[in-house]
Amino acid sequence: IEKVLERAGKLKGILYAAGLEIDTNERTVKRNGELITLKP
Protein backbone atom coordinates (compact mmCIF):
# COMPACT_ATOMS: atom_id res chain seq x y z
CA ILE A 1 0.00 0.00 0.00
CA GLU A 2 2.75 2.41 0.96
CA LYS A 3 4.66 1.73 -2.27
CA VAL A 4 1.57 2.33 -4.43
CA LEU A 5 0.75 5.57 -2.59
CA GLU A 6 4.36 6.65 -2.99
CA ARG A 7 4.39 5.92 -6.75
CA ALA A 8 1.10 7.75 -7.17
CA GLY A 9 2.42 10.79 -5.31
CA LYS A 10 -0.34 10.44 -2.72
CA LEU A 11 1.63 9.32 0.32
CA LYS A 12 1.10 11.75 3.19
CA GLY A 13 4.37 12.82 4.76
CA ILE A 14 3.17 13.18 8.36
CA LEU A 15 2.88 10.26 10.79
CA TYR A 16 1.27 10.50 14.22
CA ALA A 17 2.11 8.00 16.93
CA ALA A 18 2.53 8.01 20.73
CA GLY A 19 2.04 11.78 20.92
CA LEU A 20 4.67 12.43 18.26
CA GLU A 21 4.45 14.25 14.93
CA ILE A 22 6.88 12.61 12.52
CA ASP A 23 7.55 14.38 9.22
CA THR A 24 9.07 11.85 6.84
CA ASN A 25 9.81 14.48 4.20
CA GLU A 26 11.61 16.92 6.50
CA ARG A 27 12.91 14.04 8.69
CA THR A 28 11.86 15.77 11.89
CA VAL A 29 10.18 14.63 15.09
CA LYS A 30 8.10 16.92 17.30
CA ARG A 31 6.24 16.53 20.58
CA ASN A 32 3.84 19.35 21.44
CA GLY A 33 5.57 21.48 18.80
CA GLU A 34 9.03 20.96 20.28
CA LEU A 35 11.67 19.61 17.90
CA ILE A 36 13.57 16.52 19.09
CA THR A 37 16.79 15.52 17.33
CA LEU A 38 17.42 11.92 16.32
CA LYS A 39 20.31 10.32 14.48
CA PRO A 40 19.49 9.08 10.93
Full PDB file with SEQRES, HELIX, SHEET, SSBOND, CRYST1, ORIGX, SCALE, CONECT and MASTER records, all heavy atoms in Angstrom:
SEQRES   1 A   40  ILE GLU LYS VAL LEU GLU ARG ALA GLY LYS LEU LYS GLY          
SEQRES   2 A   40  ILE LEU TYR ALA ALA GLY LEU GLU ILE ASP THR ASN GLU          
SEQRES   3 A   40  ARG THR VAL LYS ARG ASN GLY GLU LEU ILE THR LEU LYS          
SEQRES   4 A   40  PRO                                                          
HELIX    1 AA1 GLU A    2  ARG A    7  1                                   6    
SHEET    1 AA1 4 ILE A  14  ALA A  17  0                                        
SHEET    2 AA1 4 LEU A  20  ASP A  23 -1                                        
SHEET    3 AA1 4 THR A  28  ARG A  31 -1                                        
SHEET    4 AA1 4 GLU A  34  ILE A  36 -1                                        
CRYST1    1.000    1.000    1.000  90.00  90.00  90.00 P 1           1          
ORIGX1      1.000000  0.000000  0.000000        0.00000                         
ORIGX2      0.000000  1.000000  0.000000        0.00000                         
ORIGX3      0.000000  0.000000  1.000000        0.00000                         
SCALE1      1.000000  0.000000  0.000000        0.00000                         
SCALE2      0.000000  1.000000  0.000000        0.00000                         
SCALE3      0.000000  0.000000  1.000000        0.00000                         
ATOM      1  N   ILE A   1       0.840  -1.200   0.000  1.00  0.00           N  
ATOM      2  CA  ILE A   1       0.000   0.000   0.000  1.00  0.00           C  
ATOM      3  C   ILE A   1       0.873   1.247   0.000  1.00  0.00           C  
ATOM      4  O   ILE A   1       0.651   2.181  -0.773  1.00  0.00           O  
ATOM      5  CB  ILE A   1      -0.942  -0.005   1.223  1.00  0.00           C  
ATOM      6  CG1 ILE A   1      -2.062  -1.029   1.033  1.00  0.00           C  
ATOM      7  CG2 ILE A   1      -1.537   1.389   1.453  1.00  0.00           C  
ATOM      8  CD1 ILE A   1      -2.910  -1.231   2.268  1.00  0.00           C  
ATOM      9  N   GLU A   2       1.859   1.248   0.857  1.00  0.00           N  
ATOM     10  CA  GLU A   2       2.748   2.406   0.955  1.00  0.00           C  
ATOM     11  C   GLU A   2       3.472   2.656  -0.371  1.00  0.00           C  
ATOM     12  O   GLU A   2       3.608   3.803  -0.810  1.00  0.00           O  
ATOM     13  CB  GLU A   2       3.765   2.190   2.075  1.00  0.00           C  
ATOM     14  CG  GLU A   2       4.699   3.368   2.271  1.00  0.00           C  
ATOM     15  CD  GLU A   2       5.712   3.134   3.374  1.00  0.00           C  
ATOM     16  OE1 GLU A   2       5.422   2.347   4.294  1.00  0.00           O  
ATOM     17  OE2 GLU A   2       6.794   3.734   3.311  1.00  0.00           O  
ATOM     18  N   LYS A   3       3.935   1.588  -1.010  1.00  0.00           N  
ATOM     19  CA  LYS A   3       4.659   1.729  -2.273  1.00  0.00           C  
ATOM     20  C   LYS A   3       3.761   2.289  -3.369  1.00  0.00           C  
ATOM     21  O   LYS A   3       4.186   3.127  -4.172  1.00  0.00           O  
ATOM     22  CB  LYS A   3       5.235   0.380  -2.708  1.00  0.00           C  
ATOM     23  CG  LYS A   3       6.355  -0.138  -1.809  1.00  0.00           C  
ATOM     24  CD  LYS A   3       7.526   0.823  -1.769  1.00  0.00           C  
ATOM     25  CE  LYS A   3       8.649   0.300  -0.891  1.00  0.00           C  
ATOM     26  NZ  LYS A   3       9.768   1.292  -0.781  1.00  0.00           N  
ATOM     27  N   VAL A   4       2.512   1.829  -3.424  1.00  0.00           N  
ATOM     28  CA  VAL A   4       1.575   2.333  -4.430  1.00  0.00           C  
ATOM     29  C   VAL A   4       1.260   3.807  -4.180  1.00  0.00           C  
ATOM     30  O   VAL A   4       1.250   4.624  -5.108  1.00  0.00           O  
ATOM     31  CB  VAL A   4       0.277   1.494  -4.452  1.00  0.00           C  
ATOM     32  CG1 VAL A   4      -0.787   2.174  -5.322  1.00  0.00           C  
ATOM     33  CG2 VAL A   4       0.557   0.095  -4.986  1.00  0.00           C  
ATOM     34  N   LEU A   5       1.019   4.164  -2.930  1.00  0.00           N  
ATOM     35  CA  LEU A   5       0.755   5.569  -2.589  1.00  0.00           C  
ATOM     36  C   LEU A   5       1.955   6.443  -2.940  1.00  0.00           C  
ATOM     37  O   LEU A   5       1.803   7.563  -3.433  1.00  0.00           O  
ATOM     38  CB  LEU A   5       0.430   5.698  -1.100  1.00  0.00           C  
ATOM     39  CG  LEU A   5      -0.926   5.145  -0.648  1.00  0.00           C  
ATOM     40  CD1 LEU A   5      -1.000   5.125   0.870  1.00  0.00           C  
ATOM     41  CD2 LEU A   5      -2.074   5.959  -1.228  1.00  0.00           C  
ATOM     42  N   GLU A   6       3.139   5.906  -2.687  1.00  0.00           N  
ATOM     43  CA  GLU A   6       4.358   6.654  -2.994  1.00  0.00           C  
ATOM     44  C   GLU A   6       4.505   6.871  -4.500  1.00  0.00           C  
ATOM     45  O   GLU A   6       4.804   7.976  -4.951  1.00  0.00           O  
ATOM     46  CB  GLU A   6       5.566   5.894  -2.445  1.00  0.00           C  
ATOM     47  CG  GLU A   6       6.854   6.680  -2.443  1.00  0.00           C  
ATOM     48  CD  GLU A   6       7.973   5.938  -1.724  1.00  0.00           C  
ATOM     49  OE1 GLU A   6       7.974   4.686  -1.738  1.00  0.00           O  
ATOM     50  OE2 GLU A   6       8.843   6.605  -1.157  1.00  0.00           O  
ATOM     51  N   ARG A   7       4.290   5.809  -5.283  1.00  0.00           N  
ATOM     52  CA  ARG A   7       4.392   5.917  -6.748  1.00  0.00           C  
ATOM     53  C   ARG A   7       3.364   6.890  -7.303  1.00  0.00           C  
ATOM     54  O   ARG A   7       3.635   7.610  -8.262  1.00  0.00           O  
ATOM     55  CB  ARG A   7       4.188   4.545  -7.401  1.00  0.00           C  
ATOM     56  CG  ARG A   7       5.349   3.595  -7.282  1.00  0.00           C  
ATOM     57  CD  ARG A   7       5.289   2.510  -8.337  1.00  0.00           C  
ATOM     58  NE  ARG A   7       4.054   1.763  -8.334  1.00  0.00           N  
ATOM     59  CZ  ARG A   7       3.854   0.640  -7.643  1.00  0.00           C  
ATOM     60  NH1 ARG A   7       4.827   0.148  -6.889  1.00  0.00           N  
ATOM     61  NH2 ARG A   7       2.705   0.009  -7.704  1.00  0.00           N  
ATOM     62  N   ALA A   8       2.189   6.895  -6.689  1.00  0.00           N  
ATOM     63  CA  ALA A   8       1.104   7.754  -7.173  1.00  0.00           C  
ATOM     64  C   ALA A   8       1.230   9.190  -6.673  1.00  0.00           C  
ATOM     65  O   ALA A   8       0.429  10.049  -7.034  1.00  0.00           O  
ATOM     66  CB  ALA A   8      -0.247   7.177  -6.749  1.00  0.00           C  
ATOM     67  N   GLY A   9       2.243   9.446  -5.848  1.00  0.00           N  
ATOM     68  CA  GLY A   9       2.422  10.793  -5.305  1.00  0.00           C  
ATOM     69  C   GLY A   9       1.357  11.176  -4.309  1.00  0.00           C  
ATOM     70  O   GLY A   9       1.091  12.362  -4.082  1.00  0.00           O  
ATOM     71  N   LYS A  10       0.748  10.173  -3.650  1.00  0.00           N  
ATOM     72  CA  LYS A  10      -0.336  10.439  -2.715  1.00  0.00           C  
ATOM     73  C   LYS A  10       0.026  10.152  -1.262  1.00  0.00           C  
ATOM     74  O   LYS A  10      -0.789  10.337  -0.365  1.00  0.00           O  
ATOM     75  CB  LYS A  10      -1.564   9.582  -3.092  1.00  0.00           C  
ATOM     76  CG  LYS A  10      -2.207   9.963  -4.413  1.00  0.00           C  
ATOM     77  CD  LYS A  10      -3.346   9.017  -4.755  1.00  0.00           C  
ATOM     78  CE  LYS A  10      -4.075   9.426  -6.026  1.00  0.00           C  
ATOM     79  NZ  LYS A  10      -4.939  10.597  -5.826  1.00  0.00           N  
ATOM     80  N   LEU A  11       1.245   9.685  -1.037  1.00  0.00           N  
ATOM     81  CA  LEU A  11       1.629   9.321   0.322  1.00  0.00           C  
ATOM     82  C   LEU A  11       1.793  10.561   1.188  1.00  0.00           C  
ATOM     83  O   LEU A  11       2.586  11.450   0.884  1.00  0.00           O  
ATOM     84  CB  LEU A  11       2.945   8.528   0.305  1.00  0.00           C  
ATOM     85  CG  LEU A  11       3.392   7.942   1.646  1.00  0.00           C  
ATOM     86  CD1 LEU A  11       2.385   6.923   2.150  1.00  0.00           C  
ATOM     87  CD2 LEU A  11       4.772   7.314   1.512  1.00  0.00           C  
ATOM     88  N   LYS A  12       1.010  10.628   2.261  1.00  0.00           N  
ATOM     89  CA  LYS A  12       1.103  11.748   3.189  1.00  0.00           C  
ATOM     90  C   LYS A  12       2.418  11.669   3.957  1.00  0.00           C  
ATOM     91  O   LYS A  12       2.856  10.605   4.366  1.00  0.00           O  
ATOM     92  CB  LYS A  12      -0.073  11.735   4.163  1.00  0.00           C  
ATOM     93  CG  LYS A  12      -1.453  11.786   3.498  1.00  0.00           C  
ATOM     94  CD  LYS A  12      -1.711  13.129   2.835  1.00  0.00           C  
ATOM     95  CE  LYS A  12      -3.166  13.287   2.435  1.00  0.00           C  
ATOM     96  NZ  LYS A  12      -3.609  12.490   1.302  1.00  0.00           N  
ATOM     97  N   GLY A  13       3.055  12.806   4.151  1.00  0.00           N  
ATOM     98  CA  GLY A  13       4.373  12.824   4.761  1.00  0.00           C  
ATOM     99  C   GLY A  13       4.393  12.916   6.273  1.00  0.00           C  
ATOM    100  O   GLY A  13       5.461  12.890   6.879  1.00  0.00           O  
ATOM    101  N   ILE A  14       3.224  13.021   6.911  1.00  0.00           N  
ATOM    102  CA  ILE A  14       3.173  13.184   8.364  1.00  0.00           C  
ATOM    103  C   ILE A  14       2.618  11.918   9.012  1.00  0.00           C  
ATOM    104  O   ILE A  14       1.560  11.426   8.629  1.00  0.00           O  
ATOM    105  CB  ILE A  14       2.293  14.378   8.773  1.00  0.00           C  
ATOM    106  CG1 ILE A  14       2.755  15.654   8.070  1.00  0.00           C  
ATOM    107  CG2 ILE A  14       2.311  14.547  10.278  1.00  0.00           C  
ATOM    108  CD1 ILE A  14       4.118  16.154   8.484  1.00  0.00           C  
ATOM    109  N   LEU A  15       3.348  11.398   9.994  1.00  0.00           N  
ATOM    110  CA  LEU A  15       2.884  10.263  10.786  1.00  0.00           C  
ATOM    111  C   LEU A  15       2.618  10.747  12.210  1.00  0.00           C  
ATOM    112  O   LEU A  15       3.344  11.599  12.731  1.00  0.00           O  
ATOM    113  CB  LEU A  15       3.942   9.155  10.821  1.00  0.00           C  
ATOM    114  CG  LEU A  15       4.348   8.519   9.494  1.00  0.00           C  
ATOM    115  CD1 LEU A  15       5.537   7.578   9.714  1.00  0.00           C  
ATOM    116  CD2 LEU A  15       3.191   7.763   8.875  1.00  0.00           C  
ATOM    117  N   TYR A  16       1.581  10.175  12.827  1.00  0.00           N  
ATOM    118  CA  TYR A  16       1.269  10.503  14.216  1.00  0.00           C  
ATOM    119  C   TYR A  16       1.266   9.214  15.025  1.00  0.00           C  
ATOM    120  O   TYR A  16       0.567   8.262  14.689  1.00  0.00           O  
ATOM    121  CB  TYR A  16      -0.100  11.182  14.319  1.00  0.00           C  
ATOM    122  CG  TYR A  16      -0.161  12.520  13.630  1.00  0.00           C  
ATOM    123  CD1 TYR A  16      -0.539  12.611  12.301  1.00  0.00           C  
ATOM    124  CD2 TYR A  16       0.175  13.689  14.309  1.00  0.00           C  
ATOM    125  CE1 TYR A  16      -0.586  13.840  11.657  1.00  0.00           C  
ATOM    126  CE2 TYR A  16       0.121  14.918  13.671  1.00  0.00           C  
ATOM    127  CZ  TYR A  16      -0.264  14.985  12.346  1.00  0.00           C  
ATOM    128  OH  TYR A  16      -0.315  16.205  11.710  1.00  0.00           O  
ATOM    129  N   ALA A  17       2.055   9.191  16.082  1.00  0.00           N  
ATOM    130  CA  ALA A  17       2.113   8.003  16.932  1.00  0.00           C  
ATOM    131  C   ALA A  17       2.670   8.376  18.302  1.00  0.00           C  
ATOM    132  O   ALA A  17       3.624   9.158  18.398  1.00  0.00           O  
ATOM    133  CB  ALA A  17       3.003   6.938  16.291  1.00  0.00           C  
ATOM    134  N   ALA A  18       2.047   7.831  19.350  1.00  0.00           N  
ATOM    135  CA  ALA A  18       2.526   8.006  20.728  1.00  0.00           C  
ATOM    136  C   ALA A  18       2.775   9.464  21.085  1.00  0.00           C  
ATOM    137  O   ALA A  18       3.745   9.804  21.763  1.00  0.00           O  
ATOM    138  CB  ALA A  18       3.799   7.174  20.940  1.00  0.00           C  
ATOM    139  N   GLY A  19       1.903  10.358  20.612  1.00  0.00           N  
ATOM    140  CA  GLY A  19       2.035  11.777  20.919  1.00  0.00           C  
ATOM    141  C   GLY A  19       3.086  12.505  20.108  1.00  0.00           C  
ATOM    142  O   GLY A  19       3.387  13.672  20.383  1.00  0.00           O  
ATOM    143  N   LEU A  20       3.623  11.846  19.088  1.00  0.00           N  
ATOM    144  CA  LEU A  20       4.668  12.433  18.256  1.00  0.00           C  
ATOM    145  C   LEU A  20       4.124  12.840  16.896  1.00  0.00           C  
ATOM    146  O   LEU A  20       3.191  12.211  16.359  1.00  0.00           O  
ATOM    147  CB  LEU A  20       5.815  11.439  18.055  1.00  0.00           C  
ATOM    148  CG  LEU A  20       6.519  10.906  19.296  1.00  0.00           C  
ATOM    149  CD1 LEU A  20       7.480   9.798  18.908  1.00  0.00           C  
ATOM    150  CD2 LEU A  20       7.253  12.018  20.028  1.00  0.00           C  
ATOM    151  N   GLU A  21       4.713  13.863  16.311  1.00  0.00           N  
ATOM    152  CA  GLU A  21       4.452  14.248  14.929  1.00  0.00           C  
ATOM    153  C   GLU A  21       5.742  13.999  14.152  1.00  0.00           C  
ATOM    154  O   GLU A  21       6.757  14.657  14.391  1.00  0.00           O  
ATOM    155  CB  GLU A  21       4.062  15.721  14.830  1.00  0.00           C  
ATOM    156  CG  GLU A  21       3.782  16.178  13.398  1.00  0.00           C  
ATOM    157  CD  GLU A  21       3.480  17.663  13.314  1.00  0.00           C  
ATOM    158  OE1 GLU A  21       2.530  18.107  13.990  1.00  0.00           O  
ATOM    159  OE2 GLU A  21       4.209  18.364  12.595  1.00  0.00           O  
ATOM    160  N   ILE A  22       5.685  13.037  13.243  1.00  0.00           N  
ATOM    161  CA  ILE A  22       6.882  12.610  12.516  1.00  0.00           C  
ATOM    162  C   ILE A  22       6.733  13.014  11.054  1.00  0.00           C  
ATOM    163  O   ILE A  22       5.848  12.534  10.355  1.00  0.00           O  
ATOM    164  CB  ILE A  22       7.076  11.087  12.615  1.00  0.00           C  
ATOM    165  CG1 ILE A  22       7.064  10.640  14.086  1.00  0.00           C  
ATOM    166  CG2 ILE A  22       8.376  10.655  11.941  1.00  0.00           C  
ATOM    167  CD1 ILE A  22       6.880   9.150  14.270  1.00  0.00           C  
ATOM    168  N   ASP A  23       7.588  13.901  10.600  1.00  0.00           N  
ATOM    169  CA  ASP A  23       7.549  14.379   9.217  1.00  0.00           C  
ATOM    170  C   ASP A  23       8.595  13.602   8.422  1.00  0.00           C  
ATOM    171  O   ASP A  23       9.802  13.817   8.580  1.00  0.00           O  
ATOM    172  CB  ASP A  23       7.851  15.878   9.162  1.00  0.00           C  
ATOM    173  CG  ASP A  23       7.594  16.480   7.784  1.00  0.00           C  
ATOM    174  OD1 ASP A  23       7.880  15.802   6.781  1.00  0.00           O  
ATOM    175  OD2 ASP A  23       7.126  17.631   7.713  1.00  0.00           O  
ATOM    176  N   THR A  24       8.133  12.693   7.575  1.00  0.00           N  
ATOM    177  CA  THR A  24       9.069  11.845   6.836  1.00  0.00           C  
ATOM    178  C   THR A  24       9.742  12.578   5.683  1.00  0.00           C  
ATOM    179  O   THR A  24      10.759  12.109   5.169  1.00  0.00           O  
ATOM    180  CB  THR A  24       8.354  10.592   6.291  1.00  0.00           C  
ATOM    181  OG1 THR A  24       7.285  10.993   5.416  1.00  0.00           O  
ATOM    182  CG2 THR A  24       7.784   9.760   7.422  1.00  0.00           C  
ATOM    183  N   ASN A  25       9.184  13.691   5.256  1.00  0.00           N  
ATOM    184  CA  ASN A  25       9.807  14.479   4.198  1.00  0.00           C  
ATOM    185  C   ASN A  25      10.920  15.360   4.765  1.00  0.00           C  
ATOM    186  O   ASN A  25      12.024  15.407   4.229  1.00  0.00           O  
ATOM    187  CB  ASN A  25       8.763  15.343   3.485  1.00  0.00           C  
ATOM    188  CG  ASN A  25       7.741  14.511   2.734  1.00  0.00           C  
ATOM    189  OD1 ASN A  25       8.060  13.465   2.180  1.00  0.00           O  
ATOM    190  ND2 ASN A  25       6.496  14.961   2.719  1.00  0.00           N  
ATOM    191  N   GLU A  26      10.622  16.048   5.863  1.00  0.00           N  
ATOM    192  CA  GLU A  26      11.607  16.915   6.503  1.00  0.00           C  
ATOM    193  C   GLU A  26      12.522  16.140   7.452  1.00  0.00           C  
ATOM    194  O   GLU A  26      13.532  16.684   7.912  1.00  0.00           O  
ATOM    195  CB  GLU A  26      10.895  18.035   7.276  1.00  0.00           C  
ATOM    196  CG  GLU A  26      10.043  18.957   6.420  1.00  0.00           C  
ATOM    197  CD  GLU A  26      10.886  19.781   5.461  1.00  0.00           C  
ATOM    198  OE1 GLU A  26      12.047  20.090   5.790  1.00  0.00           O  
ATOM    199  OE2 GLU A  26      10.380  20.109   4.366  1.00  0.00           O  
ATOM    200  N   ARG A  27      12.157  14.903   7.760  1.00  0.00           N  
ATOM    201  CA  ARG A  27      12.906  14.040   8.686  1.00  0.00           C  
ATOM    202  C   ARG A  27      13.041  14.718  10.057  1.00  0.00           C  
ATOM    203  O   ARG A  27      14.136  14.844  10.610  1.00  0.00           O  
ATOM    204  CB  ARG A  27      14.279  13.658   8.120  1.00  0.00           C  
ATOM    205  CG  ARG A  27      14.176  12.779   6.879  1.00  0.00           C  
ATOM    206  CD  ARG A  27      15.564  12.355   6.370  1.00  0.00           C  
ATOM    207  NE  ARG A  27      16.264  11.516   7.327  1.00  0.00           N  
ATOM    208  CZ  ARG A  27      16.099  10.197   7.451  1.00  0.00           C  
ATOM    209  NH1 ARG A  27      15.217   9.563   6.667  1.00  0.00           N  
ATOM    210  NH2 ARG A  27      16.796   9.504   8.337  1.00  0.00           N  
ATOM    211  N   THR A  28      11.900  15.146  10.571  1.00  0.00           N  
ATOM    212  CA  THR A  28      11.865  15.771  11.889  1.00  0.00           C  
ATOM    213  C   THR A  28      10.859  15.070  12.789  1.00  0.00           C  
ATOM    214  O   THR A  28       9.905  14.447  12.319  1.00  0.00           O  
ATOM    215  CB  THR A  28      11.486  17.263  11.789  1.00  0.00           C  
ATOM    216  OG1 THR A  28      10.191  17.380  11.162  1.00  0.00           O  
ATOM    217  CG2 THR A  28      12.516  18.038  10.988  1.00  0.00           C  
ATOM    218  N   VAL A  29      11.090  15.193  14.092  1.00  0.00           N  
ATOM    219  CA  VAL A  29      10.183  14.635  15.091  1.00  0.00           C  
ATOM    220  C   VAL A  29       9.836  15.739  16.083  1.00  0.00           C  
ATOM    221  O   VAL A  29      10.721  16.434  16.590  1.00  0.00           O  
ATOM    222  CB  VAL A  29      10.832  13.455  15.847  1.00  0.00           C  
ATOM    223  CG1 VAL A  29       9.850  12.881  16.870  1.00  0.00           C  
ATOM    224  CG2 VAL A  29      11.285  12.375  14.878  1.00  0.00           C  
ATOM    225  N   LYS A  30       8.541  15.902  16.355  1.00  0.00           N  
ATOM    226  CA  LYS A  30       8.104  16.921  17.304  1.00  0.00           C  
ATOM    227  C   LYS A  30       7.146  16.321  18.318  1.00  0.00           C  
ATOM    228  O   LYS A  30       6.355  15.433  17.999  1.00  0.00           O  
ATOM    229  CB  LYS A  30       7.397  18.075  16.584  1.00  0.00           C  
ATOM    230  CG  LYS A  30       8.294  18.905  15.677  1.00  0.00           C  
ATOM    231  CD  LYS A  30       7.499  20.015  15.004  1.00  0.00           C  
ATOM    232  CE  LYS A  30       8.372  20.847  14.078  1.00  0.00           C  
ATOM    233  NZ  LYS A  30       7.590  21.899  13.398  1.00  0.00           N  
ATOM    234  N   ARG A  31       7.232  16.833  19.541  1.00  0.00           N  
ATOM    235  CA  ARG A  31       6.245  16.525  20.576  1.00  0.00           C  
ATOM    236  C   ARG A  31       5.745  17.852  21.130  1.00  0.00           C  
ATOM    237  O   ARG A  31       6.538  18.662  21.617  1.00  0.00           O  
ATOM    238  CB  ARG A  31       6.848  15.681  21.694  1.00  0.00           C  
ATOM    239  CG  ARG A  31       5.810  15.274  22.753  1.00  0.00           C  
ATOM    240  CD  ARG A  31       6.469  14.671  23.980  1.00  0.00           C  
ATOM    241  NE  ARG A  31       7.155  13.437  23.693  1.00  0.00           N  
ATOM    242  CZ  ARG A  31       6.557  12.238  23.599  1.00  0.00           C  
ATOM    243  NH1 ARG A  31       5.246  12.147  23.754  1.00  0.00           N  
ATOM    244  NH2 ARG A  31       7.265  11.157  23.359  1.00  0.00           N  
ATOM    245  N   ASN A  32       4.437  18.077  20.999  1.00  0.00           N  
ATOM    246  CA  ASN A  32       3.842  19.348  21.437  1.00  0.00           C  
ATOM    247  C   ASN A  32       4.547  20.545  20.804  1.00  0.00           C  
ATOM    248  O   ASN A  32       4.768  21.577  21.448  1.00  0.00           O  
ATOM    249  CB  ASN A  32       3.884  19.462  22.958  1.00  0.00           C  
ATOM    250  CG  ASN A  32       3.095  18.364  23.648  1.00  0.00           C  
ATOM    251  OD1 ASN A  32       2.044  17.949  23.162  1.00  0.00           O  
ATOM    252  ND2 ASN A  32       3.596  17.881  24.776  1.00  0.00           N  
ATOM    253  N   GLY A  33       4.935  20.397  19.542  1.00  0.00           N  
ATOM    254  CA  GLY A  33       5.567  21.483  18.805  1.00  0.00           C  
ATOM    255  C   GLY A  33       7.057  21.630  19.029  1.00  0.00           C  
ATOM    256  O   GLY A  33       7.724  22.418  18.348  1.00  0.00           O  
ATOM    257  N   GLU A  34       7.599  20.862  19.980  1.00  0.00           N  
ATOM    258  CA  GLU A  34       9.034  20.963  20.285  1.00  0.00           C  
ATOM    259  C   GLU A  34       9.819  19.958  19.449  1.00  0.00           C  
ATOM    260  O   GLU A  34       9.508  18.754  19.421  1.00  0.00           O  
ATOM    261  CB  GLU A  34       9.278  20.687  21.761  1.00  0.00           C  
ATOM    262  CG  GLU A  34      10.748  20.782  22.161  1.00  0.00           C  
ATOM    263  CD  GLU A  34      10.984  20.463  23.619  1.00  0.00           C  
ATOM    264  OE1 GLU A  34       9.985  20.357  24.374  1.00  0.00           O  
ATOM    265  OE2 GLU A  34      12.156  20.309  24.016  1.00  0.00           O  
ATOM    266  N   LEU A  35      10.850  20.446  18.765  1.00  0.00           N  
ATOM    267  CA  LEU A  35      11.672  19.608  17.898  1.00  0.00           C  
ATOM    268  C   LEU A  35      12.623  18.754  18.730  1.00  0.00           C  
ATOM    269  O   LEU A  35      13.287  19.236  19.633  1.00  0.00           O  
ATOM    270  CB  LEU A  35      12.470  20.489  16.930  1.00  0.00           C  
ATOM    271  CG  LEU A  35      13.229  19.783  15.801  1.00  0.00           C  
ATOM    272  CD1 LEU A  35      12.274  19.112  14.837  1.00  0.00           C  
ATOM    273  CD2 LEU A  35      14.114  20.802  15.059  1.00  0.00           C  
ATOM    274  N   ILE A  36      12.679  17.455  18.402  1.00  0.00           N  
ATOM    275  CA  ILE A  36      13.572  16.517  19.088  1.00  0.00           C  
ATOM    276  C   ILE A  36      14.510  15.907  18.046  1.00  0.00           C  
ATOM    277  O   ILE A  36      14.058  15.385  17.027  1.00  0.00           O  
ATOM    278  CB  ILE A  36      12.778  15.400  19.799  1.00  0.00           C  
ATOM    279  CG1 ILE A  36      11.763  16.014  20.769  1.00  0.00           C  
ATOM    280  CG2 ILE A  36      13.724  14.456  20.527  1.00  0.00           C  
ATOM    281  CD1 ILE A  36      10.775  15.017  21.324  1.00  0.00           C  
ATOM    282  N   THR A  37      15.800  15.972  18.305  1.00  0.00           N  
ATOM    283  CA  THR A  37      16.791  15.522  17.333  1.00  0.00           C  
ATOM    284  C   THR A  37      17.099  14.036  17.494  1.00  0.00           C  
ATOM    285  O   THR A  37      17.389  13.557  18.594  1.00  0.00           O  
ATOM    286  CB  THR A  37      18.107  16.313  17.492  1.00  0.00           C  
ATOM    287  OG1 THR A  37      17.819  17.707  17.323  1.00  0.00           O  
ATOM    288  CG2 THR A  37      19.124  15.883  16.452  1.00  0.00           C  
ATOM    289  N   LEU A  38      17.043  13.328  16.367  1.00  0.00           N  
ATOM    290  CA  LEU A  38      17.417  11.920  16.323  1.00  0.00           C  
ATOM    291  C   LEU A  38      18.512  11.719  15.283  1.00  0.00           C  
ATOM    292  O   LEU A  38      18.592  12.457  14.297  1.00  0.00           O  
ATOM    293  CB  LEU A  38      16.223  11.036  15.945  1.00  0.00           C  
ATOM    294  CG  LEU A  38      15.029  10.965  16.904  1.00  0.00           C  
ATOM    295  CD1 LEU A  38      13.989  10.017  16.338  1.00  0.00           C  
ATOM    296  CD2 LEU A  38      15.460  10.517  18.288  1.00  0.00           C  
ATOM    297  N   LYS A  39      19.329  10.706  15.497  1.00  0.00           N  
ATOM    298  CA  LYS A  39      20.306  10.323  14.483  1.00  0.00           C  
ATOM    299  C   LYS A  39      19.573   9.644  13.321  1.00  0.00           C  
ATOM    300  O   LYS A  39      18.453   9.149  13.492  1.00  0.00           O  
ATOM    301  CB  LYS A  39      21.350   9.382  15.085  1.00  0.00           C  
ATOM    302  CG  LYS A  39      22.230  10.044  16.136  1.00  0.00           C  
ATOM    303  CD  LYS A  39      23.237   9.048  16.704  1.00  0.00           C  
ATOM    304  CE  LYS A  39      24.127   9.717  17.742  1.00  0.00           C  
ATOM    305  NZ  LYS A  39      25.095   8.767  18.338  1.00  0.00           N  
ATOM    306  N   PRO A  40      20.180   9.625  12.116  1.00  0.00           N  
ATOM    307  CA  PRO A  40      19.494   9.079  10.930  1.00  0.00           C  
ATOM    308  C   PRO A  40      18.902   7.684  11.123  1.00  0.00           C  
ATOM    309  O   PRO A  40      17.736   7.446  10.778  1.00  0.00           O  
ATOM    310  CB  PRO A  40      20.594   9.072   9.868  1.00  0.00           C  
ATOM    311  CG  PRO A  40      21.473  10.211  10.251  1.00  0.00           C  
ATOM    312  CD  PRO A  40      21.501  10.208  11.752  1.00  0.00           C  
TER     313      PRO A  40                                                      
MASTER        0    0    0    1    4    0    0    6  312    1    0    4          
END                                                                             
